[in-house]
C-alpha atoms as a PDB file:
ATOM      1  CA  UNK A   1      67.949 101.710  97.405  1.00  0.00           C
ATOM      2  CA  UNK A   2      68.149 103.386  94.151  1.00  0.00           C
ATOM      3  CA  UNK A   3      66.960 106.972  93.786  1.00  0.00           C
ATOM      4  CA  UNK A   4      66.908 107.584  97.241  1.00  0.00           C
ATOM      5  CA  UNK A   5      69.668 109.088  99.540  1.00  0.00           C
ATOM      6  CA  UNK A   6      71.342 106.383 101.895  1.00  0.00           C
ATOM      7  CA  UNK A   7      70.657 106.575 105.276  1.00  0.00           C
ATOM      8  CA  UNK A   8      74.086 105.127 106.575  1.00  0.00           C
ATOM      9  CA  UNK A   9      77.615 105.808 104.808  1.00  0.00           C
ATOM     10  CA  UNK A  10      80.977 105.618 105.568  1.00  0.00           C
ATOM     11  CA  UNK A  11      84.547 104.354 104.867  1.00  0.00           C
ATOM     12  CA  UNK A  12      87.273 102.253 106.603  1.00  0.00           C
ATOM     13  CA  UNK A  13      90.745 103.149 106.471  1.00  0.00           C
ATOM     14  CA  UNK A  14      93.774 100.939 106.836  1.00  0.00           C
ATOM     15  CA  UNK A  15      97.427 101.384 106.343  1.00  0.00           C
ATOM     16  CA  UNK A  16      99.395  98.125 105.872  1.00  0.00           C
ATOM     17  CA  UNK A  17     102.655  97.120 106.798  1.00  0.00           C
ATOM     18  CA  UNK A  18     104.121  97.711 103.244  1.00  0.00           C
ATOM     19  CA  UNK A  19     102.782 101.336 103.498  1.00  0.00           C
ATOM     20  CA  UNK A  20      99.663 100.778 101.563  1.00  0.00           C
ATOM     21  CA  UNK A  21      96.686 103.108 102.225  1.00  0.00           C
ATOM     22  CA  UNK A  22      93.569 101.063 102.025  1.00  0.00           C
ATOM     23  CA  UNK A  23      90.200 102.757 101.968  1.00  0.00           C
ATOM     24  CA  UNK A  24      86.735 101.080 101.573  1.00  0.00           C
ATOM     25  CA  UNK A  25      83.856 103.098 101.397  1.00  0.00           C
ATOM     26  CA  UNK A  26      80.026 101.803 101.818  1.00  0.00           C
ATOM     27  CA  UNK A  27      76.515 103.396 102.014  1.00  0.00           C
ATOM     28  CA  UNK A  28      73.401 101.571 103.018  1.00  0.00           C
ATOM     29  CA  UNK A  29      69.868 102.354 103.223  1.00  0.00           C
ATOM     30  CA  UNK A  30      69.037 100.359 106.270  1.00  0.00           C
ATOM     31  CA  UNK A  31      70.477  98.554 109.164  1.00  0.00           C
ATOM     32  CA  UNK A  32      70.453  95.316 107.357  1.00  0.00           C
ATOM     33  CA  UNK A  33      72.258  96.742 104.539  1.00  0.00           C
ATOM     34  CA  UNK A  34      74.842  98.248 106.714  1.00  0.00           C
ATOM     35  CA  UNK A  35      75.207  95.220 108.303  1.00  0.00           C
ATOM     36  CA  UNK A  36      75.776  93.167 104.941  1.00  0.00           C
ATOM     37  CA  UNK A  37      77.777  96.133 103.680  1.00  0.00           C
ATOM     38  CA  UNK A  38      80.212  96.283 106.774  1.00  0.00           C
ATOM     39  CA  UNK A  39      80.665  92.553 106.778  1.00  0.00           C
ATOM     40  CA  UNK A  40      81.944  92.538 103.085  1.00  0.00           C
ATOM     41  CA  UNK A  41      84.294  95.751 104.082  1.00  0.00           C
ATOM     42  CA  UNK A  42      85.533  93.202 106.712  1.00  0.00           C
ATOM     43  CA  UNK A  43      86.239  90.213 104.579  1.00  0.00           C
ATOM     44  CA  UNK A  44      87.939  92.603 101.724  1.00  0.00           C
ATOM     45  CA  UNK A  45      90.130  94.342 104.385  1.00  0.00           C
ATOM     46  CA  UNK A  46      91.172  90.886 106.152  1.00  0.00           C
ATOM     47  CA  UNK A  47      91.782  89.512 102.903  1.00  0.00           C
ATOM     48  CA  UNK A  48      94.146  92.429 101.884  1.00  0.00           C
ATOM     49  CA  UNK A  49      95.777  92.458 105.337  1.00  0.00           C
ATOM     50  CA  UNK A  50      96.515  88.705 105.099  1.00  0.00           C
ATOM     51  CA  UNK A  51      98.143  89.007 101.808  1.00  0.00           C
ATOM     52  CA  UNK A  52     100.298  91.955 102.788  1.00  0.00           C
ATOM     53  CA  UNK A  53     101.208  89.840 106.014  1.00  0.00           C
ATOM     54  CA  UNK A  54     101.993  86.808 103.511  1.00  0.00           C
ATOM     55  CA  UNK A  55     104.004  89.083 101.367  1.00  0.00           C
ATOM     56  CA  UNK A  56     106.095  90.363 104.665  1.00  0.00           C
ATOM     57  CA  UNK A  57     106.753  87.005 105.738  1.00  0.00           C
ATOM     58  CA  UNK A  58     107.701  85.553 102.375  1.00  0.00           C
ATOM     59  CA  UNK A  59     110.574  88.618 101.998  1.00  0.00           C
ATOM     60  CA  UNK A  60     111.771  88.053 105.394  1.00  0.00           C
ATOM     61  CA  UNK A  61     112.145  84.039 104.736  1.00  0.00           C
ATOM     62  CA  UNK A  62     114.714  84.696 101.789  1.00  0.00           C
ATOM     63  CA  UNK A  63     116.167  87.936 103.252  1.00  0.00           C
ATOM     64  CA  UNK A  64     119.307  85.960 104.720  1.00  0.00           C
ATOM     65  CA  UNK A  65     119.742  84.021 101.525  1.00  0.00           C
ATOM     66  CA  UNK A  66     119.331  87.010  99.424  1.00  0.00           C
ATOM     67  CA  UNK A  67     122.112  89.070 101.635  1.00  0.00           C
ATOM     68  CA  UNK A  68     124.481  86.149 101.535  1.00  0.00           C
ATOM     69  CA  UNK A  69     124.286  86.513  97.771  1.00  0.00           C
ATOM     70  CA  UNK A  70     124.578  90.002  97.559  1.00  0.00           C
ATOM     71  CA  UNK A  71     127.693  89.967  99.896  1.00  0.00           C
ATOM     72  CA  UNK A  72     129.289  87.023  97.751  1.00  0.00           C
ATOM     73  CA  UNK A  73     128.817  88.939  94.690  1.00  0.00           C
ATOM     74  CA  UNK A  74     130.454  92.169  96.005  1.00  0.00           C
ATOM     75  CA  UNK A  75     133.243  90.063  97.301  1.00  0.00           C
ATOM     76  CA  UNK A  76     133.808  88.669  94.075  1.00  0.00           C
ATOM     77  CA  UNK A  77     133.614  91.831  92.107  1.00  0.00           C
ATOM     78  CA  UNK A  78     136.178  93.690  94.592  1.00  0.00           C
ATOM     79  CA  UNK A  79     138.662  90.572  94.110  1.00  0.00           C
ATOM     80  CA  UNK A  80     138.446  91.050  90.418  1.00  0.00           C
ATOM     81  CA  UNK A  81     139.069  94.958  90.822  1.00  0.00           C
ATOM     82  CA  UNK A  82     141.679  94.264  93.047  1.00  0.00           C
ATOM     83  CA  UNK A  83     143.120  91.301  90.804  1.00  0.00           C
ATOM     84  CA  UNK A  84     143.263  88.848  93.420  1.00  0.00           C
ATOM     85  CA  UNK A  85     142.200  85.094  92.771  1.00  0.00           C
ATOM     86  CA  UNK A  86     139.250  83.606  93.925  1.00  0.00           C
ATOM     87  CA  UNK A  87     139.611  81.455  97.149  1.00  0.00           C
ATOM     88  CA  UNK A  88     139.543  77.909  96.830  1.00  0.00           C
ATOM     89  CA  UNK A  89     136.540  75.755  97.351  1.00  0.00           C
ATOM     90  CA  UNK A  90     136.143  75.227 101.204  1.00  0.00           C
ATOM     91  CA  UNK A  91     138.460  78.070 101.876  1.00  0.00           C
ATOM     92  CA  UNK A  92     137.004  80.723 103.991  1.00  0.00           C
ATOM     93  CA  UNK A  93     139.594  83.216 103.152  1.00  0.00           C
ATOM     94  CA  UNK A  94     140.779  85.660 105.896  1.00  0.00           C
ATOM     95  CA  UNK A  95     138.058  85.009 108.354  1.00  0.00           C
ATOM     96  CA  UNK A  96     140.354  85.713 111.568  1.00  0.00           C
ATOM     97  CA  UNK A  97     140.291  89.269 112.929  1.00  0.00           C
ATOM     98  CA  UNK A  98     143.766  89.071 114.334  1.00  0.00           C
ATOM     99  CA  UNK A  99     145.252  88.475 110.937  1.00  0.00           C
ATOM    100  CA  UNK A 100     146.647  91.888 109.895  1.00  0.00           C
ATOM    101  CA  UNK A 101     146.140  91.616 106.054  1.00  0.00           C
ATOM    102  CA  UNK A 102     145.550  88.116 105.201  1.00  0.00           C
ATOM    103  CA  UNK A 103     146.454  86.880 101.642  1.00  0.00           C
ATOM    104  CA  UNK A 104     147.587  90.693 100.645  1.00  0.00           C
ATOM    105  CA  UNK A 105     151.038  90.477 102.665  1.00  0.00           C
ATOM    106  CA  UNK A 106     152.446  88.898 105.610  1.00  0.00           C
ATOM    107  CA  UNK A 107     152.650  90.707 108.755  1.00  0.00           C
ATOM    108  CA  UNK A 108     155.353  93.020 109.754  1.00  0.00           C
ATOM    109  CA  UNK A 109     155.575  91.689 113.406  1.00  0.00           C
ATOM    110  CA  UNK A 110     154.204  88.400 114.149  1.00  0.00           C
END
């Protein structure tokens, strides 16, 4: 096909779940070349989308674990700033909604 203008040309565009914009361009001089080019484009796009989907699933699988770690670190930082001691292992701290202030002070009207 070198030296002549391709009979077919085009591009395939796809936006992945992470907002990545994937554009694959092709050109072909014959219908056979066109089918081959589109087959290659399909394989490349499928590979990229599969990789993107895997990344999303990997991130989702660790989301809860990462959120627990962030929460625990935030609670520990707040305790340090307020001068409170860390709870004993196995102590859930003030996990009851009816407690007025937990370990900070006793309720005025129990």
